[in-house]
Amino acid sequence: MADGFRITNNVAAVLREFLDDPTAQHYGFELMRACEISSGTLYPIVARLEKAGWIEGHVEDIDPKAEGRPARRYYTMTAAGEFAATQALDKLAARLRLPGWSPRPATGNALARFRLPQWGTGTAFGGAL
């Protein structure tokens, strides 16, 4: 947990989007498309990140009639958020590493049955090393 919330796959995807350019402004629909998540998943995440101080939100100052759309709420990552998100994602990456893991030999397993690429054998990309 980081500041009271779990770093799930969806939270990690949203954080990664912010960390790609920490100074950029993002709005909800853009984040939904980039992270491939629904609004019902995104907005609770954004609310938790905002409450934790990792991002800040503001409503753009436009005339909705002139623009032909409602005003967007833009979110920007804070400096503290950038630091905390980087630490949280590093911790997640370290936790998910599987040191010493390697697939079983190709005899009788999924690699052979489904003709999946065999990493480390030079055949993963269709040719020898």
Protein backbone atom coordinates (compact mmCIF):
# COMPACT_ATOMS: atom_id res chain seq x y z
CA MET A 1 0.00 0.00 0.00
CA ALA A 2 1.10 3.54 -0.68
CA ASP A 3 -0.47 6.32 1.37
CA GLY A 4 -3.54 4.25 2.16
CA PHE A 5 -4.34 2.77 -1.26
CA ARG A 6 -3.20 -0.30 -3.12
CA ILE A 7 -1.20 -0.03 -6.31
CA THR A 8 -3.32 -2.24 -8.55
CA ASN A 9 -2.71 -2.80 -12.26
CA ASN A 10 -5.15 0.01 -13.06
CA VAL A 11 -3.56 2.42 -10.57
CA ALA A 12 -0.15 1.54 -12.00
CA ALA A 13 -1.39 2.23 -15.54
CA VAL A 14 -2.71 5.67 -14.51
CA LEU A 15 0.51 6.50 -12.65
CA ARG A 16 2.58 5.38 -15.64
CA GLU A 17 0.58 7.71 -17.87
CA PHE A 18 1.28 10.64 -15.55
CA LEU A 19 4.96 9.71 -15.20
CA ASP A 20 5.48 9.60 -18.97
CA ASP A 21 5.39 13.41 -18.78
CA PRO A 22 4.91 14.61 -15.19
CA THR A 23 4.31 18.23 -16.23
CA ALA A 24 1.59 17.41 -18.78
CA GLN A 25 -2.10 18.03 -18.10
CA HIS A 26 -4.43 15.08 -18.53
CA TYR A 27 -8.22 14.91 -18.59
CA GLY A 28 -10.45 11.96 -17.84
CA PHE A 29 -11.38 10.73 -21.30
CA GLU A 30 -7.76 10.92 -22.45
CA LEU A 31 -6.66 8.85 -19.43
CA MET A 32 -9.47 6.34 -20.03
CA ARG A 33 -8.30 5.76 -23.60
CA ALA A 34 -4.60 5.64 -22.77
CA CYS A 35 -5.05 3.26 -19.83
CA GLU A 36 -7.85 1.26 -21.45
CA ILE A 37 -10.11 1.54 -18.39
CA SER A 38 -13.69 2.72 -17.86
CA SER A 39 -14.79 5.92 -16.20
CA GLY A 40 -16.11 3.88 -13.28
CA THR A 41 -12.59 2.60 -12.72
CA LEU A 42 -10.67 5.79 -13.53
CA TYR A 43 -12.45 8.41 -11.45
CA PRO A 44 -12.13 6.62 -8.09
CA ILE A 45 -8.41 6.20 -8.81
CA VAL A 46 -8.05 9.87 -9.72
CA ALA A 47 -9.97 10.88 -6.58
CA ARG A 48 -7.63 8.79 -4.38
CA LEU A 49 -4.52 10.18 -6.09
CA GLU A 50 -5.82 13.72 -5.68
CA LYS A 51 -6.68 13.14 -2.01
CA ALA A 52 -3.17 11.75 -1.42
CA GLY A 53 -1.66 14.87 -3.04
CA TRP A 54 -0.07 12.97 -5.91
CA ILE A 55 -2.04 14.91 -8.53
CA GLU A 56 -3.88 18.22 -8.62
CA GLY A 57 -7.01 18.92 -10.58
CA HIS A 58 -8.55 22.08 -11.96
CA VAL A 59 -11.46 22.87 -14.28
CA GLU A 60 -10.48 24.66 -17.46
CA ASP A 61 -11.81 28.17 -17.91
CA ILE A 62 -13.80 28.05 -21.15
CA ASP A 63 -17.20 29.06 -22.41
CA PRO A 64 -18.94 25.70 -22.95
CA LYS A 65 -21.29 27.18 -25.58
CA ALA A 66 -18.45 28.65 -27.59
CA GLU A 67 -16.41 25.44 -27.38
CA GLY A 68 -19.38 23.15 -27.96
CA ARG A 69 -18.45 20.91 -25.04
CA PRO A 70 -18.41 21.02 -21.26
CA ALA A 71 -15.33 22.29 -19.44
CA ARG A 72 -12.77 19.57 -18.77
CA ARG A 73 -11.15 18.84 -15.44
CA TYR A 74 -7.41 18.64 -16.01
CA TYR A 75 -5.04 16.77 -13.71
CA THR A 76 -1.33 17.40 -13.26
CA MET A 77 1.14 15.37 -11.23
CA THR A 78 2.69 17.12 -8.24
CA ALA A 79 6.40 16.92 -7.44
CA ALA A 80 5.58 14.88 -4.34
CA GLY A 81 3.35 12.68 -6.47
CA GLU A 82 6.09 12.12 -9.01
CA PHE A 83 8.45 11.01 -6.26
CA ALA A 84 5.86 8.81 -4.50
CA ALA A 85 4.58 7.27 -7.75
CA THR A 86 8.10 6.43 -8.89
CA GLN A 87 8.81 4.76 -5.56
CA ALA A 88 5.49 2.88 -5.61
CA LEU A 89 6.02 1.59 -9.15
CA ASP A 90 9.62 0.61 -8.36
CA LYS A 91 8.39 -1.32 -5.33
CA LEU A 92 5.69 -3.00 -7.42
CA ALA A 93 8.22 -3.95 -10.11
CA ALA A 94 10.56 -5.41 -7.49
CA ARG A 95 7.72 -7.38 -5.90
CA LEU A 96 6.66 -8.88 -9.25
CA ARG A 97 10.12 -10.01 -10.30
CA LEU A 98 10.53 -13.74 -10.37
CA PRO A 99 14.26 -14.33 -9.83
CA GLY A 100 15.47 -17.65 -11.04
CA TRP A 101 12.25 -18.36 -12.90
CA SER A 102 12.52 -20.01 -16.26
CA PRO A 103 10.04 -21.96 -18.33
CA ARG A 104 10.18 -25.75 -18.18
CA PRO A 105 11.88 -27.53 -21.06
CA ALA A 106 9.76 -27.57 -24.19
CA THR A 107 8.98 -31.28 -23.92
CA GLY A 108 5.30 -31.72 -23.16
CA ASN A 109 4.53 -28.20 -21.93
CA ALA A 110 2.66 -25.22 -23.32
CA LEU A 111 5.65 -24.01 -25.31
CA ALA A 112 5.59 -27.18 -27.36
CA ARG A 113 1.83 -27.79 -27.41
CA PHE A 114 0.93 -24.30 -28.56
CA ARG A 115 4.13 -23.60 -30.50
CA LEU A 116 4.86 -20.51 -28.40
CA PRO A 117 8.14 -18.64 -28.88
CA GLN A 118 10.95 -20.07 -26.79
CA TRP A 119 12.77 -17.14 -25.23
CA GLY A 120 16.50 -17.54 -25.01
CA THR A 121 16.66 -20.05 -27.85
CA GLY A 122 16.86 -17.55 -30.68
CA THR A 123 13.48 -18.55 -32.07
CA ALA A 124 11.35 -15.90 -30.33
CA PHE A 125 11.48 -13.61 -33.34
CA GLY A 126 11.48 -16.26 -36.03
CA GLY A 127 15.18 -16.80 -36.52
CA ALA A 128 18.42 -17.94 -35.01
CA LEU A 129 20.67 -15.64 -33.08
